[in-house]
């Protein structure tokens, strides 16, 4: 079945204080998707974010981001008071996310709200009229069912909060070290995840341990409600799993044998990508690399749990950096850049066979971008997973006189319908922003392809200024033979580079873009929904 959808991370939702949440704005967005004829909502990773606010660098691959918790919903459930959820004056409900302010407010507020909630479930006399008496059982059931990751995560966050104070006293260089703080500042036994030491810590810090569990209970309950509502509107959700996990995470700390870590607790090598046209020194990501031999000995159980948990939250899962399963770029730990890395073999089809044996057919999407070799293509084809086609990558002016555009990202060259067509992704500039940055020759090439006519530079510029080229990009994606067509919300409203979500290898303003109120509600949103629905009907999506 052909489907169309919108890419929008929940943090970018509007009409909420400081940051998008899993409250009324999420439900309103789903309603707008339904009106638009959309069948899919794609999000970025949903985990708790750390330094740099990147959803691809999470403290846990299993946990949800506390910043997404909607405070108004907590009050309506009787889990918080109006006083506890009151917004400080420095928190704005419009404009980009100010992560520093939001983290300060929500982290401290959730600490007090979780205390209030724990009092409700332990002291029946404290309950209010909105409080459901079944909540206590729901909370303990949640903790029991998620014990396999929640205990380590709650312990990790408690220990981290204590020893990060020491890290903050060190130089900025060390504080931001790629290997995180747990194997630098923590006592040896805690750093080694010694079970007795961890249990002792939990027993001595029970209150903050329970508070972390409560906050995760809040987040999972709200996400469950959003997901169920999406299902009721026949909207499917595509989630996202980064191939690698953050160095400063409970995942690495609690499962050290599954990663390339030496006896001294330091990483042997870290992830990155080699030098290419875009970067002479490559990209040094700093994520710890897997010990695939140990993972295989264990039947890949950790990866199976990871995928299983994610599929309990969404309907499809996009796996970031799929090519790393065939081979990955390993950079010696301590390197200043990625030049001296080397290709190491990944688990290949063996991992996917193990996951399929345990979980059945895999509703996964392979992010097969970057340096894609014949071996990577063979692996993707062997798994049967759909790959990605990004239209922004399709235009090379040097191909104009080479017998036609032969770029694999253009629809007339799609070799299969089993793929997902995007105008752009969260790592790309907006389509309008990209087009505005092109030289005349490249812009004319785009105009010629989209209009089917020979355009002068002047006419191409007129089409760009009228925003019709970006709208034609959207039509091209929807009309393609790809089974899925996904459009970032920024492209739907033809926004420029100022609305870009992320610029790789930079920091500062990334991940902070938010939609304006009129994009999912009101007259402008209604007209846009009507336009999109007509396109979906026209192109059988």
Protein backbone atom coordinates (compact mmCIF):
# COMPACT_ATOMS: atom_id res chain seq x y z
CA UNK A 1 0.00 0.00 0.00
CA UNK A 2 1.34 3.42 -1.01
CA UNK A 3 1.56 5.82 1.91
CA UNK A 4 2.57 9.41 2.55
CA UNK A 5 3.70 11.00 5.77
CA UNK A 6 5.28 13.93 7.56
CA UNK A 7 8.64 14.07 9.36
CA UNK A 8 8.32 16.07 12.58
CA UNK A 9 9.99 15.38 15.91
CA UNK A 10 7.69 15.89 18.94
CA UNK A 11 10.02 18.58 20.33
CA UNK A 12 9.04 20.70 17.29
CA UNK A 13 5.32 20.68 18.09
CA UNK A 14 3.78 24.08 18.83
CA UNK A 15 1.40 25.56 21.42
CA UNK A 16 3.31 24.17 24.40
CA UNK A 17 5.59 25.79 26.94
CA UNK A 18 9.23 25.81 25.96
CA UNK A 19 9.29 22.61 23.91
CA UNK A 20 6.91 20.31 22.06
CA UNK A 21 5.28 17.68 24.27
CA UNK A 22 3.11 14.57 24.18
CA UNK A 23 0.03 16.54 25.10
CA UNK A 24 -2.80 18.24 23.20
CA UNK A 25 -0.52 19.55 20.45
CA UNK A 26 0.48 15.98 19.56
CA UNK A 27 -3.17 14.95 19.27
CA UNK A 28 -3.93 18.05 17.19
CA UNK A 29 -1.05 17.19 14.86
CA UNK A 30 -2.45 13.68 14.37
CA UNK A 31 -5.84 15.20 13.52
CA UNK A 32 -4.14 17.43 10.94
CA UNK A 33 -2.32 14.41 9.45
CA UNK A 34 -5.68 12.68 9.06
CA UNK A 35 -7.20 15.70 7.31
CA UNK A 36 -4.15 15.86 5.03
CA UNK A 37 -4.57 12.30 3.79
CA UNK A 38 -1.31 11.35 5.48
CA UNK A 39 -0.88 7.81 6.77
CA UNK A 40 2.48 8.18 8.52
CA UNK A 41 4.14 10.31 11.21
CA UNK A 42 7.93 9.93 11.34
CA UNK A 43 9.83 10.98 14.47
CA UNK A 44 13.48 11.05 15.51
CA UNK A 45 14.84 8.96 18.43
CA UNK A 46 12.71 9.50 21.54
CA UNK A 47 15.35 8.95 24.24
CA UNK A 48 16.58 11.39 26.91
CA UNK A 49 19.11 13.78 25.40
CA UNK A 50 22.40 14.92 26.89
CA UNK A 51 25.16 17.27 25.81
CA UNK A 52 24.31 18.96 22.51
CA UNK A 53 20.60 18.06 22.83
CA UNK A 54 20.90 15.52 20.03
CA UNK A 55 18.29 12.75 19.97
CA UNK A 56 21.06 10.57 18.51
CA UNK A 57 23.11 10.86 21.73
CA UNK A 58 20.83 9.54 24.44
CA UNK A 59 21.44 8.47 28.04
CA UNK A 60 19.44 5.33 27.25
CA UNK A 61 18.22 3.64 24.08
CA UNK A 62 15.23 2.28 26.00
CA UNK A 63 14.12 5.33 28.02
CA UNK A 64 11.96 8.22 26.80
CA UNK A 65 12.87 11.90 26.94
CA UNK A 66 11.47 13.56 30.12
CA UNK A 67 11.37 16.89 28.28
CA UNK A 68 8.51 15.51 26.15
CA UNK A 69 6.28 15.06 29.21
CA UNK A 70 3.22 17.30 29.08
CA UNK A 71 2.61 18.93 32.46
CA UNK A 72 -1.02 19.84 31.79
CA UNK A 73 -1.80 16.17 31.20
CA UNK A 74 -0.18 15.25 34.52
CA UNK A 75 -2.43 17.73 36.31
CA UNK A 76 -5.54 16.43 34.52
CA UNK A 77 -4.66 12.89 35.64
CA UNK A 78 -4.32 14.11 39.22
CA UNK A 79 -0.59 13.35 39.25
CA UNK A 80 0.49 16.97 39.75
CA UNK A 81 -0.90 20.20 41.18
CA UNK A 82 -1.28 23.49 39.32
CA UNK A 83 1.43 24.94 41.54
CA UNK A 84 3.91 22.21 40.60
CA UNK A 85 3.41 22.69 36.84
CA UNK A 86 3.45 26.48 36.86
CA UNK A 87 5.58 27.90 34.05
CA UNK A 88 8.38 30.31 34.97
CA UNK A 89 8.36 33.68 33.22
CA UNK A 90 11.52 32.84 31.29
CA UNK A 91 9.85 29.92 29.48
CA UNK A 92 8.28 30.91 26.15
CA UNK A 93 5.57 29.03 24.24
CA UNK A 94 6.71 30.30 20.84
CA UNK A 95 9.94 30.25 18.89
CA UNK A 96 12.88 27.83 19.00
CA UNK A 97 13.50 25.51 21.93
CA UNK A 98 15.82 27.09 24.49
CA UNK A 99 17.14 23.78 25.80
CA UNK A 100 19.11 25.32 28.66
CA UNK A 101 16.04 26.98 30.16
CA UNK A 102 13.71 24.06 29.44
CA UNK A 103 16.07 21.49 30.99
CA UNK A 104 16.52 23.62 34.12
CA UNK A 105 12.78 24.14 34.57
CA UNK A 106 11.47 20.69 33.67
CA UNK A 107 14.16 18.69 35.46
CA UNK A 108 13.54 20.46 38.75
CA UNK A 109 9.77 20.48 38.30
CA UNK A 110 9.66 16.75 37.52
CA UNK A 111 11.64 16.06 40.67
CA UNK A 112 8.93 17.74 42.76
CA UNK A 113 6.09 16.23 40.73
CA UNK A 114 7.51 12.72 41.14
CA UNK A 115 7.72 13.28 44.91
CA UNK A 116 4.06 14.28 44.88
CA UNK A 117 3.16 11.20 42.81
CA UNK A 118 5.03 8.85 45.15
CA UNK A 119 3.13 10.33 48.07
CA UNK A 120 -0.14 9.66 46.24
CA UNK A 121 0.58 5.99 45.69
CA UNK A 122 1.97 5.36 49.17
CA UNK A 123 -0.52 7.42 51.17
CA UNK A 124 -4.17 6.85 50.16
CA UNK A 125 -5.26 9.86 52.20
CA UNK A 126 -3.21 12.14 49.94
CA UNK A 127 -5.11 11.19 46.77
CA UNK A 128 -7.21 13.83 45.00
CA UNK A 129 -10.50 13.38 43.16
CA UNK A 130 -8.80 13.07 39.76
CA UNK A 131 -6.41 10.34 40.87
CA UNK A 132 -7.22 6.85 39.57
CA UNK A 133 -6.66 4.28 42.35
CA UNK A 134 -5.47 1.77 39.73
CA UNK A 135 -2.47 3.98 39.02
CA UNK A 136 -0.39 2.44 41.82
CA UNK A 137 -0.69 -1.02 40.28
CA UNK A 138 0.02 0.39 36.81
CA UNK A 139 3.21 2.02 38.06
CA UNK A 140 4.57 -1.11 39.73
CA UNK A 141 3.61 -3.21 36.70
CA UNK A 142 5.50 -0.77 34.47
CA UNK A 143 8.60 -1.02 36.68
CA UNK A 144 8.45 -4.82 36.70
CA UNK A 145 7.94 -5.19 32.94
CA UNK A 146 10.77 -2.77 32.18
CA UNK A 147 13.18 -4.01 34.84
CA UNK A 148 15.65 -5.23 32.20
CA UNK A 149 16.63 -1.63 31.40
CA UNK A 150 14.89 0.66 33.89
CA UNK A 151 16.85 -0.38 36.98
CA UNK A 152 20.21 0.29 35.34
CA UNK A 153 18.98 3.54 33.82
CA UNK A 154 17.62 4.86 37.11
CA UNK A 155 20.83 3.89 38.92
CA UNK A 156 22.96 5.42 36.15
CA UNK A 157 21.14 8.76 36.28
CA UNK A 158 21.43 8.89 40.07
CA UNK A 159 25.16 8.16 40.09
CA UNK A 160 25.73 10.46 37.14
CA UNK A 161 24.00 13.40 38.84
CA UNK A 162 26.32 13.03 41.83
CA UNK A 163 29.61 12.63 39.99
CA UNK A 164 28.87 15.12 37.24
CA UNK A 165 29.49 17.78 39.86
CA UNK A 166 33.08 16.63 39.91
CA UNK A 167 33.20 16.66 36.12
CA UNK A 168 31.95 20.23 36.07
CA UNK A 169 34.88 21.27 38.22
CA UNK A 170 37.28 20.01 35.56
CA UNK A 171 38.27 21.76 32.34
CA UNK A 172 35.67 22.20 29.58
CA UNK A 173 37.72 19.85 27.44
CA UNK A 174 37.41 16.97 29.89
CA UNK A 175 33.80 17.73 30.72
CA UNK A 176 32.90 17.19 27.10
CA UNK A 177 35.15 14.18 26.54
CA UNK A 178 33.73 11.70 24.05
CA UNK A 179 33.96 8.84 26.54
CA UNK A 180 31.57 10.46 28.99
CA UNK A 181 32.12 10.66 32.71
CA UNK A 182 31.22 7.26 34.12
CA UNK A 183 34.61 5.72 33.28
CA UNK A 184 36.52 8.87 34.24
CA UNK A 185 35.04 10.22 37.46
CA UNK A 186 33.16 7.34 39.07
CA UNK A 187 34.66 5.05 41.73
CA UNK A 188 36.14 1.91 40.19
CA UNK A 189 33.47 -0.54 41.37
CA UNK A 190 30.60 1.66 40.24
CA UNK A 191 32.34 2.32 36.94
CA UNK A 192 32.72 -1.42 36.43
CA UNK A 193 29.01 -1.91 37.15
CA UNK A 194 29.82 -4.13 40.12
CA UNK A 195 26.42 -5.54 41.18
CA UNK A 196 27.06 -5.18 44.93
CA UNK A 197 28.25 -1.59 44.53
CA UNK A 198 25.25 -0.69 42.37
CA UNK A 199 22.78 -2.27 44.83
CA UNK A 200 24.43 -0.39 47.69
CA UNK A 201 24.07 2.88 45.79
CA UNK A 202 20.41 2.21 45.04
CA UNK A 203 19.66 1.42 48.68
CA UNK A 204 21.35 4.65 49.78
CA UNK A 205 19.62 6.77 47.12
CA UNK A 206 16.20 5.14 46.92
CA UNK A 207 14.21 8.36 46.64
CA UNK A 208 15.97 9.72 43.54
CA UNK A 209 16.05 6.21 42.05
CA UNK A 210 12.26 5.96 42.37
CA UNK A 211 11.82 9.48 41.03
CA UNK A 212 13.54 8.48 37.79
CA UNK A 213 11.24 5.46 37.49
CA UNK A 214 8.21 7.71 38.04
CA UNK A 215 9.32 10.16 35.35
CA UNK A 216 9.70 7.30 32.86
CA UNK A 217 6.24 6.04 33.84
CA UNK A 218 4.86 9.50 33.03
CA UNK A 219 6.57 9.58 29.63
CA UNK A 220 5.54 6.05 28.62
CA UNK A 221 1.91 6.58 29.65
CA UNK A 222 1.70 9.74 27.57
CA UNK A 223 3.43 8.21 24.55
CA UNK A 224 1.11 5.20 24.76
CA UNK A 225 -1.88 7.54 24.67
CA UNK A 226 -0.48 9.38 21.63
CA UNK A 227 0.27 6.13 19.81
CA UNK A 228 -3.17 4.68 20.52
CA UNK A 229 -4.80 7.88 19.26
CA UNK A 230 -2.71 7.72 16.09
CA UNK A 231 -3.89 4.14 15.53
CA UNK A 232 -7.51 5.24 15.96
CA UNK A 233 -6.95 7.75 13.16
CA UNK A 234 -5.19 5.14 10.98
CA UNK A 235 -1.88 6.95 11.34
CA UNK A 236 1.25 4.80 11.65
CA UNK A 237 4.39 6.04 13.39
CA UNK A 238 7.94 5.52 12.15
CA UNK A 239 10.45 5.57 15.00
CA UNK A 240 14.22 5.77 14.81
CA UNK A 241 17.05 3.66 16.24
CA UNK A 242 20.61 4.97 15.91
CA UNK A 243 22.98 2.09 15.13
CA UNK A 244 25.36 3.30 17.85
CA UNK A 245 24.58 4.39 21.41
CA UNK A 246 26.01 7.31 23.35
CA UNK A 247 29.26 6.80 25.27
CA UNK A 248 27.74 8.46 28.32
CA UNK A 249 24.77 6.10 28.62
CA UNK A 250 23.39 3.39 30.83
CA UNK A 251 23.50 1.12 27.76
CA UNK A 252 27.30 1.12 27.64
CA UNK A 253 27.85 1.30 31.41
CA UNK A 254 25.60 -1.69 32.18
CA UNK A 255 26.69 -3.83 29.20
CA UNK A 256 30.42 -3.24 28.92
CA UNK A 257 31.20 -6.71 27.60
CA UNK A 258 29.09 -5.91 24.54
CA UNK A 259 31.38 -3.02 23.55
CA UNK A 260 35.03 -2.62 22.63
CA UNK A 261 36.21 -1.56 26.07
CA UNK A 262 39.59 -2.35 27.61
CA UNK A 263 40.36 -3.56 31.13
CA UNK A 264 41.03 0.05 32.13
CA UNK A 265 37.46 1.00 31.20
CA UNK A 266 38.54 3.05 28.19
CA UNK A 267 37.21 2.54 24.69
CA UNK A 268 39.56 0.81 22.27
CA UNK A 269 38.04 2.50 19.23
CA UNK A 270 35.13 4.78 18.43
CA UNK A 271 32.75 5.34 15.52
CA UNK A 272 33.02 7.80 12.69
CA UNK A 273 33.11 8.06 8.92
CA UNK A 274 36.20 8.37 6.69
CA UNK A 275 37.32 11.50 4.82
CA UNK A 276 35.19 12.29 1.80
CA UNK A 277 34.17 15.13 -0.51
CA UNK A 278 32.47 16.95 2.35
CA UNK A 279 35.21 16.60 4.99
CA UNK A 280 38.94 16.12 4.45
CA UNK A 281 39.33 14.71 7.97
CA UNK A 282 36.15 12.62 8.08
CA UNK A 283 33.69 12.75 10.97
CA UNK A 284 34.64 11.61 14.47
CA UNK A 285 31.39 10.67 16.21
CA UNK A 286 32.98 9.20 19.33
CA UNK A 287 30.39 6.45 19.94
CA UNK A 288 31.78 3.21 21.40
CA UNK A 289 31.91 0.31 18.96
CA UNK A 290 30.23 -3.03 19.53
CA UNK A 291 32.02 -6.23 20.39
CA UNK A 292 30.10 -8.23 17.80
CA UNK A 293 31.72 -11.49 18.82
CA UNK A 294 30.33 -11.23 22.34
CA UNK A 295 26.97 -10.09 21.04
CA UNK A 296 26.79 -13.15 18.81
CA UNK A 297 27.71 -15.47 21.69
CA UNK A 298 24.70 -14.08 23.52
CA UNK A 299 22.44 -14.60 20.50
CA UNK A 300 22.29 -10.83 19.92
CA UNK A 301 19.81 -10.67 22.83
CA UNK A 302 20.54 -7.01 23.64
CA UNK A 303 19.83 -5.95 20.05
CA UNK A 304 16.70 -8.10 19.96
CA UNK A 305 15.44 -6.44 23.15
CA UNK A 306 16.25 -3.04 21.68
CA UNK A 307 14.26 -3.60 18.50
CA UNK A 308 11.42 -5.34 20.36
CA UNK A 309 11.06 -2.44 22.78
CA UNK A 310 11.04 0.12 20.00
CA UNK A 311 8.44 -1.83 18.03
CA UNK A 312 6.20 -1.77 21.11
CA UNK A 313 6.21 2.03 20.83
CA UNK A 314 5.93 2.55 17.05
CA UNK A 315 4.81 0.75 13.91
CA UNK A 316 8.01 0.96 11.85
CA UNK A 317 11.62 1.57 12.84
CA UNK A 318 14.20 3.41 10.77
CA UNK A 319 17.71 2.15 11.58
CA UNK A 320 20.25 4.93 11.26
CA UNK A 321 23.61 4.24 9.52
CA UNK A 322 22.56 0.84 8.18
CA UNK A 323 25.83 0.47 6.28
CA UNK A 324 27.59 -0.01 9.65
CA UNK A 325 26.09 -3.48 9.93
CA UNK A 326 28.09 -4.54 6.86
CA UNK A 327 31.26 -2.70 7.87
CA UNK A 328 31.96 0.30 10.09
CA UNK A 329 34.72 2.91 10.32
CA UNK A 330 36.72 2.25 13.50
CA UNK A 331 38.86 5.15 14.75
CA UNK A 332 41.50 4.56 17.46
CA UNK A 333 40.37 6.11 20.73
CA UNK A 334 42.02 9.46 21.40
CA UNK A 335 42.36 10.40 17.72
CA UNK A 336 41.85 14.06 16.87
CA UNK A 337 39.96 13.22 13.68
CA UNK A 338 38.74 10.23 11.68
CA UNK A 339 41.62 10.04 9.17
CA UNK A 340 43.38 7.08 10.80
CA UNK A 341 40.33 4.84 11.04
CA UNK A 342 39.84 1.58 9.19
CA UNK A 343 36.92 -0.51 7.97
CA UNK A 344 35.92 -3.39 10.25
CA UNK A 345 33.37 -6.05 9.38
CA UNK A 346 29.94 -5.86 11.04
CA UNK A 347 27.57 -8.74 11.84
CA UNK A 348 25.89 -8.62 8.45
CA UNK A 349 22.83 -10.76 7.79
CA UNK A 350 23.48 -12.90 10.88
CA UNK A 351 22.08 -10.17 13.16
CA UNK A 352 18.92 -9.65 11.11
CA UNK A 353 18.31 -13.38 10.87
CA UNK A 354 18.51 -13.59 14.68
CA UNK A 355 16.10 -10.69 15.10
CA UNK A 356 13.68 -12.10 12.53
CA UNK A 357 13.80 -15.55 14.16
CA UNK A 358 12.77 -14.00 17.46
CA UNK A 359 10.38 -11.25 16.33
CA UNK A 360 9.11 -12.35 12.91
CA UNK A 361 8.93 -10.09 9.85
CA UNK A 362 10.74 -6.84 10.47
CA UNK A 363 8.93 -3.53 9.82
CA UNK A 364 12.30 -1.80 9.56
CA UNK A 365 13.67 0.87 7.21
CA UNK A 366 17.36 0.96 6.32
CA UNK A 367 19.00 4.38 6.32
CA UNK A 368 21.33 3.40 3.49
CA UNK A 369 22.94 6.78 2.87
CA UNK A 370 26.64 7.65 2.79
CA UNK A 371 29.34 5.41 1.33
CA UNK A 372 27.26 2.55 -0.06
CA UNK A 373 29.15 -0.37 -1.57
CA UNK A 374 27.90 -3.42 -3.45
CA UNK A 375 28.26 -5.37 -0.19
CA UNK A 376 25.97 -2.92 1.63
CA UNK A 377 23.40 -3.10 -1.17
CA UNK A 378 23.56 -6.91 -1.05
CA UNK A 379 22.94 -6.86 2.71
CA UNK A 380 20.00 -4.47 2.36
CA UNK A 381 18.50 -6.59 -0.41
CA UNK A 382 19.05 -9.79 1.58
CA UNK A 383 17.18 -8.35 4.56
CA UNK A 384 14.38 -7.17 2.29
CA UNK A 385 14.37 -3.81 4.04
CA UNK A 386 13.35 -0.65 2.16
CA UNK A 387 16.11 1.89 1.66
CA UNK A 388 15.96 5.68 1.45
CA UNK A 389 15.81 7.95 -1.60
CA UNK A 390 16.50 11.62 -0.85
CA UNK A 391 15.52 13.85 -3.75
CA UNK A 392 17.89 16.62 -2.67
CA UNK A 393 20.78 14.27 -3.47
CA UNK A 394 19.54 13.64 -6.99
CA UNK A 395 20.88 16.59 -8.95
CA UNK A 396 24.40 16.77 -10.37
CA UNK A 397 24.92 19.39 -13.05
CA UNK A 398 27.84 17.38 -14.44
CA UNK A 399 25.38 14.70 -15.57
CA UNK A 400 23.41 17.01 -17.87
CA UNK A 401 25.50 16.14 -20.91
CA UNK A 402 26.08 12.51 -19.96
CA UNK A 403 23.04 11.03 -21.64
CA UNK A 404 20.49 12.06 -19.04
CA UNK A 405 20.46 12.22 -15.25
CA UNK A 406 21.42 8.79 -13.96
CA UNK A 407 21.44 9.61 -10.28
CA UNK A 408 19.88 6.81 -8.21
CA UNK A 409 18.02 9.30 -6.00
CA UNK A 410 15.80 10.53 -8.84
CA UNK A 411 12.43 8.76 -9.31
CA UNK A 412 13.00 7.74 -12.92
CA UNK A 413 15.96 5.67 -11.70
CA UNK A 414 14.31 3.97 -8.71
CA UNK A 415 15.09 0.28 -9.14
CA UNK A 416 12.30 -0.85 -6.80
CA UNK A 417 9.14 0.37 -5.12
CA UNK A 418 10.46 -1.02 -1.82
CA UNK A 419 11.93 2.29 -0.67
CA UNK A 420 11.08 5.53 1.13
CA UNK A 421 11.27 8.75 -0.87
CA UNK A 422 12.11 11.98 1.01
CA UNK A 423 12.49 15.53 -0.18
CA UNK A 424 15.10 15.87 2.57
CA UNK A 425 15.86 14.58 6.06
CA UNK A 426 16.57 16.13 9.47
CA UNK A 427 20.26 16.37 8.50
CA UNK A 428 19.58 18.25 5.25
CA UNK A 429 18.87 21.90 4.70
CA UNK A 430 15.22 22.60 3.99
CA UNK A 431 14.46 22.16 0.30
CA UNK A 432 13.80 25.88 -0.14
CA UNK A 433 17.04 26.67 1.70
CA UNK A 434 19.00 24.27 -0.48
CA UNK A 435 17.55 25.66 -3.70
CA UNK A 436 18.37 29.21 -2.62
CA UNK A 437 22.00 28.17 -2.12
CA UNK A 438 22.47 26.67 -5.62
CA UNK A 439 24.50 28.28 -8.38
CA UNK A 440 22.63 29.27 -11.54
CA UNK A 441 23.55 26.18 -13.54
CA UNK A 442 22.39 23.80 -10.79
CA UNK A 443 19.18 25.76 -10.21
CA UNK A 444 18.36 25.62 -13.93
CA UNK A 445 18.92 21.87 -13.90
CA UNK A 446 16.45 21.46 -11.03
CA UNK A 447 13.92 23.71 -12.77
CA UNK A 448 14.25 21.78 -16.03
CA UNK A 449 13.71 18.44 -14.29
CA UNK A 450 10.72 19.61 -12.25
CA UNK A 451 8.95 21.48 -15.07
CA UNK A 452 9.96 19.28 -18.01
CA UNK A 453 10.87 22.39 -19.94
CA UNK A 454 14.02 24.29 -20.87
CA UNK A 455 14.39 27.18 -18.40
CA UNK A 456 16.52 30.27 -18.51
CA UNK A 457 18.39 31.31 -15.36
CA UNK A 458 15.94 34.20 -14.99
CA UNK A 459 12.91 31.94 -15.18
CA UNK A 460 14.43 29.43 -12.76
CA UNK A 461 14.95 32.24 -10.25
CA UNK A 462 11.33 33.32 -10.66
CA UNK A 463 10.17 29.78 -9.96
CA UNK A 464 12.39 29.71 -6.87
CA UNK A 465 11.09 33.03 -5.59
CA UNK A 466 7.48 31.92 -6.10
CA UNK A 467 8.27 28.79 -4.03
CA UNK A 468 6.84 26.61 -6.76
CA UNK A 469 10.05 24.56 -7.06
CA UNK A 470 9.80 23.32 -3.47
CA UNK A 471 6.15 22.44 -4.00
CA UNK A 472 7.15 20.56 -7.14
CA UNK A 473 9.70 18.65 -5.04
CA UNK A 474 6.83 17.54 -2.80
CA UNK A 475 4.73 16.49 -5.78
CA UNK A 476 7.71 14.58 -7.18
CA UNK A 477 8.11 12.60 -3.95
CA UNK A 478 4.39 11.83 -3.69
CA UNK A 479 4.13 10.85 -7.36
CA UNK A 480 7.17 8.56 -7.22
CA UNK A 481 6.88 4.78 -7.30
CA UNK A 482 8.29 4.53 -3.74
CA UNK A 483 5.99 2.73 -1.31
CA UNK A 484 6.48 5.54 1.23
CA UNK A 485 6.87 9.27 0.62
CA UNK A 486 7.89 11.35 3.65
CA UNK A 487 8.07 15.16 3.69
CA UNK A 488 9.56 17.28 6.52
CA UNK A 489 6.96 19.75 7.80
CA UNK A 490 9.38 22.59 6.98
CA UNK A 491 9.15 21.68 3.30
CA UNK A 492 5.35 21.53 3.40
CA UNK A 493 5.37 25.20 4.38
CA UNK A 494 8.33 26.06 2.10
CA UNK A 495 10.53 27.36 4.91
CA UNK A 496 14.12 28.48 4.42
CA UNK A 497 17.44 27.56 6.02
CA UNK A 498 16.50 29.32 9.25
CA UNK A 499 14.14 26.38 9.91
CA UNK A 500 16.73 23.65 9.42
CA UNK A 501 16.63 20.97 12.14
CA UNK A 502 20.28 19.92 12.19
CA UNK A 503 23.57 20.73 10.56
CA UNK A 504 25.92 17.74 11.09
CA UNK A 505 29.29 18.36 12.77
CA UNK A 506 28.09 21.63 14.30
CA UNK A 507 26.58 22.60 17.64
CA UNK A 508 24.58 25.48 19.03
CA UNK A 509 21.18 25.87 17.37
CA UNK A 510 20.57 22.29 16.23
CA UNK A 511 17.37 20.40 17.13
CA UNK A 512 15.64 23.57 18.32
CA UNK A 513 13.24 24.35 15.46
CA UNK A 514 9.54 24.50 16.36
CA UNK A 515 6.49 24.75 14.15
CA UNK A 516 4.34 27.86 14.43
CA UNK A 517 0.77 27.61 15.73
CA UNK A 518 -0.84 28.05 12.30
CA UNK A 519 0.88 25.00 10.81
CA UNK A 520 -1.36 22.39 12.42
CA UNK A 521 -4.45 24.44 13.24
CA UNK A 522 -6.38 27.34 11.78
CA UNK A 523 -7.19 28.52 8.26
CA UNK A 524 -3.65 28.18 6.86
CA UNK A 525 -3.35 24.61 8.15
CA UNK A 526 -6.79 23.71 6.74
CA UNK A 527 -5.85 24.95 3.26
CA UNK A 528 -2.55 23.10 3.39
CA UNK A 529 -4.31 19.92 4.51
CA UNK A 530 -6.72 20.20 1.58
CA UNK A 531 -3.81 20.63 -0.87
CA UNK A 532 -1.99 17.61 0.53
CA UNK A 533 -5.08 15.43 0.55
CA UNK A 534 -5.74 16.20 -3.10
CA UNK A 535 -2.18 15.15 -3.92
CA UNK A 536 -2.54 11.94 -1.93
CA UNK A 537 -5.73 11.08 -3.81
CA UNK A 538 -4.16 12.02 -7.16
CA UNK A 539 -1.09 9.85 -6.57
CA UNK A 540 -2.94 7.00 -4.82
CA UNK A 541 -1.36 7.43 -1.41
